[in-house]
C-alpha atoms as a PDB file:
ATOM      1  CA  MET A   1      96.863  95.539 119.688  1.00  0.00           C
ATOM      2  CA  ASN A   2      95.804  99.161 119.128  1.00  0.00           C
ATOM      3  CA  TYR A   3      93.165  98.989 121.894  1.00  0.00           C
ATOM      4  CA  TYR A   4      92.869  97.281 125.224  1.00  0.00           C
ATOM      5  CA  GLU A   5      90.352  97.635 128.081  1.00  0.00           C
ATOM      6  CA  HIS A   6      91.415  99.609 131.071  1.00  0.00           C
ATOM      7  CA  HIS A   7      89.203  98.744 134.034  1.00  0.00           C
ATOM      8  CA  LEU A   8      89.433 101.772 136.320  1.00  0.00           C
ATOM      9  CA  GLY A   9      88.150  99.932 139.407  1.00  0.00           C
ATOM     10  CA  ASP A  10      90.607  97.021 139.054  1.00  0.00           C
ATOM     11  CA  TYR A  11      93.502  99.361 138.358  1.00  0.00           C
ATOM     12  CA  ALA A  12      92.747 101.678 141.263  1.00  0.00           C
ATOM     13  CA  LYS A  13      92.388  98.772 143.644  1.00  0.00           C
ATOM     14  CA  ASP A  14      95.741  97.244 142.682  1.00  0.00           C
ATOM     15  CA  THR A  15      97.741 100.481 142.314  1.00  0.00           C
ATOM     16  CA  ALA A  16      96.391 102.873 144.975  1.00  0.00           C
ATOM     17  CA  HIS A  17      99.723 102.691 146.804  1.00  0.00           C
ATOM     18  CA  LEU A  18     101.893 103.676 143.817  1.00  0.00           C
ATOM     19  CA  SER A  19     103.571 107.047 143.513  1.00  0.00           C
ATOM     20  CA  MET A  20     103.016 109.304 140.510  1.00  0.00           C
ATOM     21  CA  LEU A  21     106.272 108.108 138.952  1.00  0.00           C
ATOM     22  CA  GLU A  22     105.346 104.497 139.515  1.00  0.00           C
ATOM     23  CA  HIS A  23     101.923 105.040 137.953  1.00  0.00           C
ATOM     24  CA  GLY A  24     103.561 106.555 134.860  1.00  0.00           C
ATOM     25  CA  ALA A  25     106.118 103.706 134.625  1.00  0.00           C
ATOM     26  CA  TYR A  26     103.383 101.068 134.927  1.00  0.00           C
ATOM     27  CA  ARG A  27     101.181 102.597 132.228  1.00  0.00           C
ATOM     28  CA  LEU A  28     104.113 103.010 129.827  1.00  0.00           C
ATOM     29  CA  LEU A  29     105.126  99.358 130.355  1.00  0.00           C
ATOM     30  CA  LEU A  30     101.529  98.171 129.779  1.00  0.00           C
ATOM     31  CA  ASP A  31     101.129 100.284 126.631  1.00  0.00           C
ATOM     32  CA  ARG A  32     104.330  98.781 125.212  1.00  0.00           C
ATOM     33  CA  TYR A  33     103.191  95.285 126.318  1.00  0.00           C
ATOM     34  CA  TYR A  34      99.839  95.479 124.549  1.00  0.00           C
ATOM     35  CA  SER A  35     101.084  97.236 121.435  1.00  0.00           C
ATOM     36  CA  THR A  36     103.748  94.579 120.777  1.00  0.00           C
ATOM     37  CA  GLU A  37     101.788  91.695 122.360  1.00  0.00           C
ATOM     38  CA  GLU A  38     105.040  90.622 123.969  1.00  0.00           C
ATOM     39  CA  GLY A  39     106.759  90.844 127.356  1.00  0.00           C
ATOM     40  CA  ILE A  40     109.232  93.570 128.273  1.00  0.00           C
ATOM     41  CA  PRO A  41     112.902  92.636 127.582  1.00  0.00           C
ATOM     42  CA  ALA A  42     114.700  93.062 130.871  1.00  0.00           C
ATOM     43  CA  ALA A  43     117.656  94.814 129.195  1.00  0.00           C
ATOM     44  CA  GLN A  44     115.313  97.407 127.650  1.00  0.00           C
ATOM     45  CA  ALA A  45     112.859  97.983 130.529  1.00  0.00           C
ATOM     46  CA  HIS A  46     114.274 101.365 131.591  1.00  0.00           C
ATOM     47  CA  ARG A  47     114.452 102.591 127.983  1.00  0.00           C
ATOM     48  CA  VAL A  48     110.913 101.431 127.255  1.00  0.00           C
ATOM     49  CA  ALA A  49     109.616 103.396 130.228  1.00  0.00           C
ATOM     50  CA  ARG A  50     111.815 106.429 129.284  1.00  0.00           C
ATOM     51  CA  ALA A  51     113.470 106.270 132.688  1.00  0.00           C
ATOM     52  CA  ARG A  52     116.599 108.395 132.780  1.00  0.00           C
ATOM     53  CA  SER A  53     117.134 109.612 136.372  1.00  0.00           C
ATOM     54  CA  LYS A  54     117.833 107.265 139.264  1.00  0.00           C
ATOM     55  CA  GLU A  55     114.435 108.076 140.784  1.00  0.00           C
ATOM     56  CA  GLU A  56     112.670 107.112 137.497  1.00  0.00           C
ATOM     57  CA  ARG A  57     114.682 103.908 137.136  1.00  0.00           C
ATOM     58  CA  ASP A  58     113.878 102.980 140.720  1.00  0.00           C
ATOM     59  CA  ALA A  59     110.172 103.475 139.962  1.00  0.00           C
ATOM     60  CA  VAL A  60     110.371 101.156 136.961  1.00  0.00           C
ATOM     61  CA  ASP A  61     112.180  98.520 139.026  1.00  0.00           C
ATOM     62  CA  THR A  62     109.524  98.693 141.760  1.00  0.00           C
ATOM     63  CA  VAL A  63     106.693  98.208 139.266  1.00  0.00           C
ATOM     64  CA  LEU A  64     108.439  95.331 137.558  1.00  0.00           C
ATOM     65  CA  GLN A  65     109.118  93.508 140.770  1.00  0.00           C
ATOM     66  CA  GLU A  66     105.496  93.902 141.957  1.00  0.00           C
ATOM     67  CA  PHE A  67     103.424  93.335 138.777  1.00  0.00           C
ATOM     68  CA  PHE A  68     105.700  91.343 136.469  1.00  0.00           C
ATOM     69  CA  THR A  69     107.572  88.051 136.555  1.00  0.00           C
ATOM     70  CA  LEU A  70     110.985  87.654 135.015  1.00  0.00           C
ATOM     71  CA  GLN A  71     111.098  84.658 132.634  1.00  0.00           C
ATOM     72  CA  ASP A  72     114.142  83.985 130.472  1.00  0.00           C
ATOM     73  CA  GLY A  73     115.217  87.630 130.456  1.00  0.00           C
ATOM     74  CA  VAL A  74     111.676  88.955 129.751  1.00  0.00           C
ATOM     75  CA  TRP A  75     109.281  90.606 132.170  1.00  0.00           C
ATOM     76  CA  VAL A  76     105.818  88.971 131.840  1.00  0.00           C
ATOM     77  CA  ASN A  77     102.511  90.335 133.148  1.00  0.00           C
ATOM     78  CA  GLY A  78      99.868  87.677 133.761  1.00  0.00           C
ATOM     79  CA  ARG A  79      96.832  89.924 133.295  1.00  0.00           C
ATOM     80  CA  ALA A  80      98.189  91.313 130.041  1.00  0.00           C
ATOM     81  CA  GLU A  81      98.842  87.788 128.711  1.00  0.00           C
ATOM     82  CA  GLU A  82      95.231  86.827 129.473  1.00  0.00           C
ATOM     83  CA  GLU A  83      93.848  89.924 127.717  1.00  0.00           C
ATOM     84  CA  ILE A  84      96.048  89.384 124.629  1.00  0.00           C
ATOM     85  CA  LEU A  85      94.888  85.733 124.370  1.00  0.00           C
ATOM     86  CA  LYS A  86      91.242  86.823 124.641  1.00  0.00           C
ATOM     87  CA  ALA A  87      91.723  89.457 121.905  1.00  0.00           C
ATOM     88  CA  GLN A  88      93.474  87.000 119.621  1.00  0.00           C
ATOM     89  CA  ALA A  89      90.615  84.486 120.063  1.00  0.00           C
ATOM     90  CA  LYS A  90      88.055  87.130 119.065  1.00  0.00           C
ATOM     91  CA  ILE A  91      90.119  88.132 115.986  1.00  0.00           C
ATOM     92  CA  ASN A  92      90.469  84.516 114.935  1.00  0.00           C
ATOM     93  CA  ALA A  93      86.727  83.904 115.366  1.00  0.00           C
ATOM     94  CA  ALA A  94      85.955  87.022 113.301  1.00  0.00           C
ATOM     95  CA  GLN A  95      88.342  85.915 110.541  1.00  0.00           C
ATOM     96  CA  THR A  96      86.788  82.439 110.507  1.00  0.00           C
ATOM     97  CA  ASN A  97      83.253  83.805 110.267  1.00  0.00           C
ATOM     98  CA  GLY A  98      84.364  86.182 107.533  1.00  0.00           C
ATOM     99  CA  LYS A  99      85.731  83.350 105.420  1.00  0.00           C
ATOM    100  CA  LYS A 100      82.413  81.565 105.768  1.00  0.00           C
ATOM    101  CA  GLY A 101      80.507  84.584 104.525  1.00  0.00           C
ATOM    102  CA  GLY A 102      79.455  85.871 107.941  1.00  0.00           C
ATOM    103  CA  ARG A 103      77.182  84.426 110.617  1.00  0.00           C
ATOM    104  CA  PRO A 104      74.693  81.744 109.423  1.00  0.00           C
ATOM    105  CA  ARG A 105      71.091  82.933 108.757  1.00  0.00           C
ATOM    106  CA  LYS A 106      68.641  82.099 111.520  1.00  0.00           C
ATOM    107  CA  ASN A 107      66.726  78.830 110.949  1.00  0.00           C
ATOM    108  CA  GLY A 108      68.274  78.573 107.552  1.00  0.00           C
ATOM    109  CA  ASN A 109      65.784  81.140 106.179  1.00  0.00           C
ATOM    110  CA  PRO A 110      67.420  82.603 103.076  1.00  0.00           C
ATOM    111  CA  GLY A 111      65.109  85.606 103.162  1.00  0.00           C
ATOM    112  CA  GLU A 112      66.276  86.771 106.563  1.00  0.00           C
ATOM    113  CA  THR A 113      68.915  89.415 106.716  1.00  0.00           C
ATOM    114  CA  GLN A 114      72.336  88.140 107.694  1.00  0.00           C
ATOM    115  CA  GLN A 115      73.819  89.906 110.726  1.00  0.00           C
ATOM    116  CA  LYS A 116      77.273  91.362 110.872  1.00  0.00           C
ATOM    117  CA  PRO A 117      79.882  89.000 112.327  1.00  0.00           C
ATOM    118  CA  SER A 118      80.447  89.834 115.988  1.00  0.00           C
ATOM    119  CA  GLY A 119      83.942  88.400 116.271  1.00  0.00           C
ATOM    120  CA  PHE A 120      82.726  85.586 118.580  1.00  0.00           C
ATOM    121  CA  SER A 121      82.304  81.942 117.694  1.00  0.00           C
ATOM    122  CA  VAL A 122      78.701  80.803 117.073  1.00  0.00           C
ATOM    123  CA  GLY A 123      76.734  80.336 120.281  1.00  0.00           C
ATOM    124  CA  SER A 124      79.298  82.066 122.487  1.00  0.00           C
ATOM    125  CA  GLU A 125      77.726  85.505 122.731  1.00  0.00           C
ATOM    126  CA  ASN A 126      75.651  84.891 125.847  1.00  0.00           C
ATOM    127  CA  GLU A 127      78.455  83.156 127.659  1.00  0.00           C
ATOM    128  CA  THR A 128      80.855  85.971 126.898  1.00  0.00           C
ATOM    129  CA  GLN A 129      78.410  88.651 127.914  1.00  0.00           C
ATOM    130  CA  THR A 130      77.765  87.079 131.321  1.00  0.00           C
ATOM    131  CA  LYS A 131      81.491  87.060 131.995  1.00  0.00           C
ATOM    132  CA  ALA A 132      82.042  90.694 131.022  1.00  0.00           C
ATOM    133  CA  HIS A 133      83.515  92.880 133.754  1.00  0.00           C
ATOM    134  CA  GLN A 134      80.996  95.682 133.275  1.00  0.00           C
ATOM    135  CA  ALA A 135      78.524  97.155 130.838  1.00  0.00           C
ATOM    136  CA  PRO A 136      80.064  99.177 127.975  1.00  0.00           C
ATOM    137  CA  SER A 137      80.284 102.854 128.768  1.00  0.00           C
ATOM    138  CA  THR A 138      78.575 105.233 126.354  1.00  0.00           C
ATOM    139  CA  LYS A 139      79.921 108.309 128.004  1.00  0.00           C
ATOM    140  CA  HIS A 140      82.120 109.292 125.049  1.00  0.00           C
ATOM    141  CA  GLN A 141      80.142 107.706 122.253  1.00  0.00           C
ATOM    142  CA  THR A 142      78.407 109.810 119.647  1.00  0.00           C
ATOM    143  CA  PRO A 143      74.765 108.777 118.969  1.00  0.00           C
ATOM    144  CA  ILE A 144      74.259 107.269 115.506  1.00  0.00           C
ATOM    145  CA  LYS A 145      72.196 109.535 113.324  1.00  0.00           C
ATOM    146  CA  GLU A 146      69.999 108.396 110.454  1.00  0.00           C
ATOM    147  CA  GLY A 147      72.026 108.079 107.310  1.00  0.00           C
ATOM    148  CA  ALA A 148      75.336 108.012 109.198  1.00  0.00           C
ATOM    149  CA  CYS A 149      76.246 104.632 107.706  1.00  0.00           C
ATOM    150  CA  THR A 150      76.595 106.270 104.260  1.00  0.00           C
ATOM    151  CA  SER A 151      79.880 107.825 105.473  1.00  0.00           C
ATOM    152  CA  THR A 152      83.041 105.894 106.187  1.00  0.00           C
ATOM    153  CA  SER A 153      84.950 108.733 107.813  1.00  0.00           C
ATOM    154  CA  LEU A 154      85.616 108.971 111.502  1.00  0.00           C
ATOM    155  CA  ASP A 155      83.667 111.290 113.716  1.00  0.00           C
ATOM    156  CA  ALA A 156      85.530 114.598 113.933  1.00  0.00           C
ATOM    157  CA  GLY A 157      85.717 114.285 117.716  1.00  0.00           C
ATOM    158  CA  GLU A 158      86.957 110.684 117.609  1.00  0.00           C
ATOM    159  CA  GLY A 159      90.297 110.805 115.776  1.00  0.00           C
ATOM    160  CA  PRO A 160      92.915 108.098 116.356  1.00  0.00           C
ATOM    161  CA  PHE A 161      92.451 107.954 120.139  1.00  0.00           C
ATOM    162  CA  ALA A 162      90.998 104.969 122.001  1.00  0.00           C
ATOM    163  CA  HIS A 163      88.397 105.269 124.803  1.00  0.00           C
ATOM    164  CA  THR A 164      90.902 105.390 127.671  1.00  0.00           C
ATOM    165  CA  PRO A 165      91.703 108.177 130.108  1.00  0.00           C
ATOM    166  CA  ALA A 166      94.746 109.115 127.990  1.00  0.00           C
ATOM    167  CA  GLY A 167      92.607 108.842 124.822  1.00  0.00           C
ATOM    168  CA  ASP A 168      90.097 111.348 126.317  1.00  0.00           C
ATOM    169  CA  VAL A 169      92.975 113.765 126.719  1.00  0.00           C
ATOM    170  CA  GLY A 170      94.085 113.186 123.116  1.00  0.00           C
ATOM    171  CA  ARG A 171      90.569 114.058 121.918  1.00  0.00           C
ATOM    172  CA  ALA A 172      90.628 117.166 124.113  1.00  0.00           C
ATOM    173  CA  PHE A 173      93.795 118.370 122.369  1.00  0.00           C
ATOM    174  CA  GLN A 174      92.220 117.565 118.989  1.00  0.00           C
ATOM    175  CA  ARG A 175      89.112 119.587 119.812  1.00  0.00           C
ATOM    176  CA  ALA A 176      91.388 122.532 120.761  1.00  0.00           C
ATOM    177  CA  GLY A 177      92.936 122.399 117.312  1.00  0.00           C
ATOM    178  CA  VAL A 178      96.210 120.560 118.064  1.00  0.00           C
ATOM    179  CA  ASP A 179      97.471 118.137 115.419  1.00  0.00           C
ATOM    180  CA  PRO A 180      97.035 114.532 116.796  1.00  0.00           C
ATOM    181  CA  ASP A 181     100.533 113.737 115.555  1.00  0.00           C
ATOM    182  CA  GLN A 182     101.895 116.192 118.104  1.00  0.00           C
ATOM    183  CA  VAL A 183     100.121 114.434 120.986  1.00  0.00           C
ATOM    184  CA  ASN A 184     102.230 111.834 122.792  1.00  0.00           C
ATOM    185  CA  LEU A 185      99.901 109.831 125.023  1.00  0.00           C
ATOM    186  CA  ALA A 186     102.893 107.776 126.324  1.00  0.00           C
ATOM    187  CA  ASP A 187     104.472 110.810 127.910  1.00  0.00           C
ATOM    188  CA  VAL A 188     105.178 109.986 131.584  1.00  0.00           C
ATOM    189  CA  ARG A 189     104.177 113.494 132.627  1.00  0.00           C
ATOM    190  CA  LEU A 190     100.681 112.900 131.186  1.00  0.00           C
ATOM    191  CA  ALA A 191     100.307 109.716 133.247  1.00  0.00           C
ATOM    192  CA  ALA A 192     101.352 111.572 136.354  1.00  0.00           C
ATOM    193  CA  LEU A 193      98.872 114.361 135.736  1.00  0.00           C
ATOM    194  CA  LEU A 194      96.079 111.878 135.128  1.00  0.00           C
ATOM    195  CA  ALA A 195      96.929 110.196 138.427  1.00  0.00           C
ATOM    196  CA  GLN A 196      96.528 113.598 140.124  1.00  0.00           C
ATOM    197  CA  GLY A 197      92.997 113.800 138.765  1.00  0.00           C
ATOM    198  CA  VAL A 198      93.491 116.413 136.066  1.00  0.00           C
ATOM    199  CA  THR A 199      90.447 116.401 133.746  1.00  0.00           C
ATOM    200  CA  PRO A 200      90.305 116.451 129.936  1.00  0.00           C
ATOM    201  CA  GLU A 201      88.550 119.834 130.236  1.00  0.00           C
ATOM    202  CA  GLU A 202      91.641 121.299 131.967  1.00  0.00           C
ATOM    203  CA  PHE A 203      93.916 119.967 129.210  1.00  0.00           C
ATOM    204  CA  GLU A 204      91.587 121.351 126.520  1.00  0.00           C
ATOM    205  CA  GLY A 205      91.435 124.797 128.066  1.00  0.00           C
ATOM    206  CA  LEU A 206      95.187 125.198 128.144  1.00  0.00           C
ATOM    207  CA  ALA A 207      95.557 123.582 124.724  1.00  0.00           C
ATOM    208  CA  ARG A 208      93.233 126.284 123.278  1.00  0.00           C
ATOM    209  CA  GLU A 209      95.418 128.905 124.933  1.00  0.00           C
ATOM    210  CA  ALA A 210      98.524 127.354 123.351  1.00  0.00           C
ATOM    211  CA  VAL A 211      96.844 127.410 119.905  1.00  0.00           C
ATOM    212  CA  ARG A 212      95.861 131.087 120.356  1.00  0.00           C
ATOM    213  CA  LYS A 213      99.456 131.941 121.321  1.00  0.00           C
ATOM    214  CA  SER A 214     100.871 129.910 118.410  1.00  0.00           C
ATOM    215  CA  ILE A 215     103.037 127.835 120.797  1.00  0.00           C
ATOM    216  CA  GLU A 216     105.377 125.732 118.609  1.00  0.00           C
ATOM    217  CA  HIS A 217     104.957 122.571 120.772  1.00  0.00           C
ATOM    218  CA  PRO A 218     101.542 122.913 122.411  1.00  0.00           C
ATOM    219  CA  PHE A 219     101.414 119.433 123.928  1.00  0.00           C
ATOM    220  CA  GLY A 220     104.694 119.767 125.807  1.00  0.00           C
ATOM    221  CA  TRP A 221     103.819 123.343 126.795  1.00  0.00           C
ATOM    222  CA  VAL A 222     100.536 122.290 128.296  1.00  0.00           C
ATOM    223  CA  LEU A 223     102.191 119.490 130.307  1.00  0.00           C
ATOM    224  CA  LYS A 224     104.711 121.996 131.686  1.00  0.00           C
ATOM    225  CA  VAL A 225     102.289 124.851 132.419  1.00  0.00           C
ATOM    226  CA  LEU A 226      99.317 122.854 133.743  1.00  0.00           C
ATOM    227  CA  PRO A 227     100.841 121.960 137.166  1.00  0.00           C
ATOM    228  CA  GLU A 228     101.810 125.614 137.656  1.00  0.00           C
ATOM    229  CA  ARG A 229      98.317 126.852 136.869  1.00  0.00           C
ATOM    230  CA  ARG A 230      96.768 124.234 139.205  1.00  0.00           C
ATOM    231  CA  ALA A 231      99.074 125.339 142.002  1.00  0.00           C
ATOM    232  CA  GLU A 232      98.128 128.977 141.446  1.00  0.00           C
ATOM    233  CA  ALA A 233      94.427 128.071 141.452  1.00  0.00           C
ATOM    234  CA  ALA A 234      94.861 126.200 144.726  1.00  0.00           C
ATOM    235  CA  GLY A 235      96.303 129.351 146.308  1.00  0.00           C
ATOM    236  CA  ILE A 236      99.815 127.931 146.722  1.00  0.00           C
ATOM    237  CA  LYS A 237     102.250 130.827 146.905  1.00  0.00           C
ATOM    238  CA  ALA A 238     105.991 130.830 146.390  1.00  0.00           C
ATOM    239  CA  ALA A 239     108.089 130.529 149.502  1.00  0.00           C
ATOM    240  CA  PRO A 240     109.064 133.890 151.030  1.00  0.00           C
ATOM    241  CA  SER A 241     112.424 135.221 150.084  1.00  0.00           C
ATOM    242  CA  VAL A 242     115.246 134.782 152.510  1.00  0.00           C
ATOM    243  CA  PRO A 243     115.781 137.982 154.550  1.00  0.00           C
ATOM    244  CA  GLU A 244     118.988 139.847 153.880  1.00  0.00           C
ATOM    245  CA  VAL A 245     121.764 139.090 156.377  1.00  0.00           C
ATOM    246  CA  PRO A 246     122.947 142.199 158.247  1.00  0.00           C
ATOM    247  CA  TRP A 247     126.475 143.380 157.354  1.00  0.00           C
ATOM    248  CA  PHE A 248     127.745 142.850 160.881  1.00  0.00           C
ATOM    249  CA  ASP A 249     126.827 139.120 160.729  1.00  0.00           C
ATOM    250  CA  THR A 250     129.181 138.271 157.842  1.00  0.00           C
ATOM    251  CA  ALA A 251     132.942 138.546 157.573  1.00  0.00           C
ATOM    252  CA  LYS A 252     132.567 140.119 154.129  1.00  0.00           C
ATOM    253  CA  GLY A 253     130.242 142.823 155.504  1.00  0.00           C
ATOM    254  CA  VAL A 254     132.516 143.580 158.422  1.00  0.00           C
ATOM    255  CA  ARG A 255     135.588 143.871 156.198  1.00  0.00           C
ATOM    256  CA  GLU A 256     133.802 146.132 153.651  1.00  0.00           C
ATOM    257  CA  THR A 257     132.516 148.383 156.500  1.00  0.00           C
ATOM    258  CA  GLY A 258     135.959 148.419 158.083  1.00  0.00           C
ATOM    259  CA  LEU A 259     137.495 149.718 154.866  1.00  0.00           C
ATOM    260  CA  LYS A 260     134.805 152.406 154.539  1.00  0.00           C
ATOM    261  CA  LEU A 261     135.328 153.582 158.141  1.00  0.00           C
ATOM    262  CA  GLY A 262     139.118 153.640 157.897  1.00  0.00           C
ATOM    263  CA  CYS A 263     139.683 150.588 160.111  1.00  0.00           C
ATOM    264  CA  GLY A 264     141.593 148.774 157.439  1.00  0.00           C
ATOM    265  CA  ASP A 265     141.033 145.274 156.157  1.00  0.00           C
ATOM    266  CA  TRP A 266     141.611 141.845 157.712  1.00  0.00           C
ATOM    267  CA  SER A 267     142.979 138.640 156.225  1.00  0.00           C
ATOM    268  CA  ASP A 268     145.198 135.721 157.180  1.00  0.00           C
ATOM    269  CA  GLU A 269     148.159 137.604 155.707  1.00  0.00           C
ATOM    270  CA  ILE A 270     147.379 140.713 157.775  1.00  0.00           C
ATOM    271  CA  TYR A 271     146.950 138.602 160.880  1.00  0.00           C
ATOM    272  CA  ALA A 272     150.329 137.001 160.310  1.00  0.00           C
ATOM    273  CA  ALA A 273     151.912 140.458 159.979  1.00  0.00           C
ATOM    274  CA  THR A 274     150.068 142.270 162.806  1.00  0.00           C
ATOM    275  CA  GLY A 275     148.936 139.497 165.156  1.00  0.00           C
ATOM    276  CA  GLU A 276     145.390 140.985 165.363  1.00  0.00           C
ATOM    277  CA  GLN A 277     142.791 138.228 165.432  1.00  0.00           C
ATOM    278  CA  TYR A 278     139.545 138.540 163.545  1.00  0.00           C
ATOM    279  CA  PRO A 279     137.312 138.940 166.698  1.00  0.00           C
ATOM    280  CA  THR A 280     139.453 141.851 167.788  1.00  0.00           C
ATOM    281  CA  TYR A 281     139.274 143.454 164.321  1.00  0.00           C
ATOM    282  CA  LYS A 282     135.490 143.015 164.252  1.00  0.00           C
ATOM    283  CA  ARG A 283     135.108 144.732 167.638  1.00  0.00           C
ATOM    284  CA  ARG A 284     137.102 147.720 166.328  1.00  0.00           C
ATOM    285  CA  VAL A 285     134.866 147.968 163.236  1.00  0.00           C
ATOM    286  CA  LEU A 286     131.650 147.676 165.263  1.00  0.00           C
ATOM    287  CA  ALA A 287     132.800 150.382 167.685  1.00  0.00           C
ATOM    288  CA  ALA A 288     133.703 152.658 164.785  1.00  0.00           C
ATOM    289  CA  ALA A 289     130.306 152.015 163.166  1.00  0.00           C
ATOM    290  CA  ARG A 290     128.479 152.945 166.353  1.00  0.00           C
ATOM    291  CA  ARG A 291     130.459 156.165 166.705  1.00  0.00           C
ATOM    292  CA  ALA A 292     129.648 156.926 163.071  1.00  0.00           C
ATOM    293  CA  GLY A 293     125.950 156.703 163.844  1.00  0.00           C
ATOM    294  CA  MET A 294     125.306 153.549 161.869  1.00  0.00           C
ATOM    295  CA  PRO A 295     122.146 151.605 163.012  1.00  0.00           C
ATOM    296  CA  MET A 296     123.331 148.846 165.337  1.00  0.00           C
ATOM    297  CA  PRO A 297     121.571 146.242 167.499  1.00  0.00           C
ATOM    298  CA  GLU A 298     121.519 146.996 171.178  1.00  0.00           C
ATOM    299  CA  ASP A 299     123.378 143.836 172.137  1.00  0.00           C
ATOM    300  CA  ILE A 300     126.501 144.852 170.174  1.00  0.00           C
ATOM    301  CA  PRO A 301     129.029 146.527 172.544  1.00  0.00           C
ATOM    302  CA  ALA A 302     130.455 149.948 171.692  1.00  0.00           C
END
């Protein structure tokens, strides 16, 4: 299958509790499931979902345990199996109608124009329509213009991308001038960004910037830079730098200052030879530093 319906309401209801990594793992597993029309081999599940780190593998395991059933070494998803069977039934019906020359003419009237086969068996259209989950969305469809049927080419804004959230992003990259072959809609980072609510317009804006800058791999660059730009836009600043530790609070600082002030150095070897412990040595260095006029906290004795 090159296309499958993604019902946003159903998906959100069932997966609202998933983390970003788990969302990405689930979508990758579903894409593989529908594209091959087969379950996920248990031995290949982590590889299929591109899970490399322990955290990523744990996310895959969580999704498999919750949404799939292990049968004879293969992870099976009930909803995916139902959708595949429905799609196969439609394809078989379309092929049968095609072999018969299309749908029969109404009332046997040979002068009436024969309609294009719909892919459903005769008399099943109404039943199927009443069972549809929702009305088809026309949000991303281009209105048909007069004379458009004379061309067999795809709309320039359509390309190879299906009408899914990831497909919308693919078309955004294409509009920005990125070669569709460079767009990997199965990238787990894309799924994570979509789960955060990143819009196709945000992807397109950065993709246009990548094209202007002649970035060698614009798709990967956008996925890397986009989270940083969103953080900047939200006013998130980098954590403040760690304040420098005063010299008198580290053994290294005390020893370096002791050498500068003529107090000598301190080490385990020197302690073994002189018997002077480090606290005693430090007090000598601090006293010398105060006499030398070096800035010192008030609580350090002279």
